Amino acid sequence: MFFKKKKKPEYIAENVNDEIASLKKQVESLLNERVTPAIANAADKAEHVVHNAKEMTDCQMKQVSDKVQSRPLMAIGIAVIIGCFIGKIIR
C-alpha cells in the first residue's frame, strides 16, 4: 500500500542515457548559437585592433625616420644623451 514500486535498472539506465543525450544536444546548440559566434566576433575585433596598431606603428616609424633624415645631427645627439643616461642608470 505505502510501498514504492521499484524501477528496473534497465529503465533507469535508459532514462539516464536519454537525459545525457538531451543535455549533449543542448550543449551543442548553445555552442553553435552563442559561443562560436562570440569567438568569431572576438577574433574579428582582435584582427581589426592588430591591423590598426600596425598602421599606427608604420605611420609613427615613418615620422621618426623623416625627422632623423631632416636633422641627422640632432638625432645623433639625442641618441648619445640617451645612451649616457642609460649607462649611468645601469652602473
Protein backbone atom coordinates (compact mmCIF):
# COMPACT_ATOMS: atom_id res chain seq x y z
CA MET A 1 0.00 0.00 0.00
CA PHE A 2 2.62 2.55 1.07
CA PHE A 3 5.46 0.76 -0.61
CA LYS A 4 7.02 2.39 -3.63
CA LYS A 5 7.29 0.39 -6.75
CA LYS A 6 10.95 -0.25 -7.59
CA LYS A 7 12.10 0.77 -11.04
CA LYS A 8 14.00 -1.70 -13.10
CA PRO A 9 17.70 -0.97 -13.71
CA GLU A 10 17.16 -1.14 -17.49
CA TYR A 11 14.52 1.59 -17.27
CA ILE A 12 16.80 3.77 -15.11
CA ALA A 13 19.75 3.27 -17.45
CA GLU A 14 17.59 4.16 -20.45
CA ASN A 15 16.38 7.32 -18.69
CA VAL A 16 19.94 8.32 -17.82
CA ASN A 17 21.08 7.75 -21.40
CA ASP A 18 18.15 9.82 -22.70
CA GLU A 19 18.99 12.64 -20.27
CA ILE A 20 22.67 12.56 -21.29
CA ALA A 21 21.71 12.69 -24.98
CA SER A 22 19.34 15.59 -24.31
CA LEU A 23 22.00 17.51 -22.38
CA LYS A 24 24.54 16.85 -25.12
CA LYS A 25 22.16 18.32 -27.72
CA GLN A 26 21.56 21.37 -25.52
CA VAL A 27 25.29 21.96 -25.05
CA GLU A 28 25.93 21.60 -28.79
CA SER A 29 23.08 24.01 -29.51
CA LEU A 30 24.47 26.58 -27.07
CA LEU A 31 27.93 26.24 -28.58
CA ASN A 32 26.62 26.72 -32.10
CA GLU A 33 24.24 29.56 -31.25
CA ARG A 34 26.24 31.60 -28.77
CA VAL A 35 29.82 30.56 -28.13
CA THR A 36 31.01 30.08 -31.70
CA PRO A 37 29.63 33.43 -32.92
CA ALA A 38 31.06 35.18 -29.85
CA ILE A 39 34.50 33.71 -30.51
CA ALA A 40 34.29 34.65 -34.18
CA ASN A 41 33.27 38.20 -33.21
CA ALA A 42 36.14 38.49 -30.73
CA ALA A 43 38.61 37.19 -33.31
CA ASP A 44 37.29 39.72 -35.83
CA LYS A 45 37.71 42.58 -33.34
CA ALA A 46 41.21 41.41 -32.45
CA GLU A 47 42.13 41.33 -36.12
CA HIS A 48 40.95 44.93 -36.55
CA VAL A 49 42.89 46.05 -33.47
CA VAL A 50 46.07 44.39 -34.75
CA HIS A 51 45.58 45.97 -38.18
CA ASN A 52 45.04 49.43 -36.67
CA ALA A 53 48.07 49.04 -34.37
CA LYS A 54 50.23 48.03 -37.34
CA GLU A 55 49.06 51.04 -39.35
CA MET A 56 49.74 53.40 -36.44
CA THR A 57 53.19 51.90 -35.83
CA ASP A 58 54.09 52.19 -39.51
CA CYS A 59 52.97 55.82 -39.56
CA GLN A 60 54.98 56.68 -36.45
CA MET A 61 58.07 54.89 -37.78
CA LYS A 62 57.82 56.92 -40.99
CA GLN A 63 57.52 60.16 -39.00
CA VAL A 64 60.59 59.31 -36.89
CA SER A 65 62.52 58.31 -40.00
CA ASP A 66 61.60 61.60 -41.70
CA LYS A 67 62.69 63.61 -38.65
CA VAL A 68 66.01 61.73 -38.43
CA GLN A 69 66.66 62.32 -42.13
CA SER A 70 65.82 66.02 -41.88
CA ARG A 71 68.01 66.57 -38.77
CA PRO A 72 70.65 63.82 -38.58
CA LEU A 73 72.98 65.66 -36.15
CA MET A 74 70.17 66.27 -33.68
CA ALA A 75 69.21 62.58 -33.88
CA ILE A 76 72.79 61.51 -33.16
CA GLY A 77 72.99 63.97 -30.24
CA ILE A 78 69.76 62.68 -28.73
CA ALA A 79 70.96 59.08 -29.14
CA VAL A 80 74.25 59.92 -27.37
CA ILE A 81 72.46 61.65 -24.48
CA ILE A 82 70.03 58.74 -24.07
CA GLY A 83 72.92 56.26 -24.21
CA CYS A 84 74.85 58.14 -21.50
CA PHE A 85 71.74 58.38 -19.32
CA ILE A 86 71.05 54.63 -19.62
CA GLY A 87 74.73 53.89 -18.96
CA LYS A 88 74.66 55.86 -15.71
CA ILE A 89 71.47 54.14 -14.59
CA ILE A 90 72.87 50.67 -15.23
CA ARG A 91 76.08 51.31 -13.24
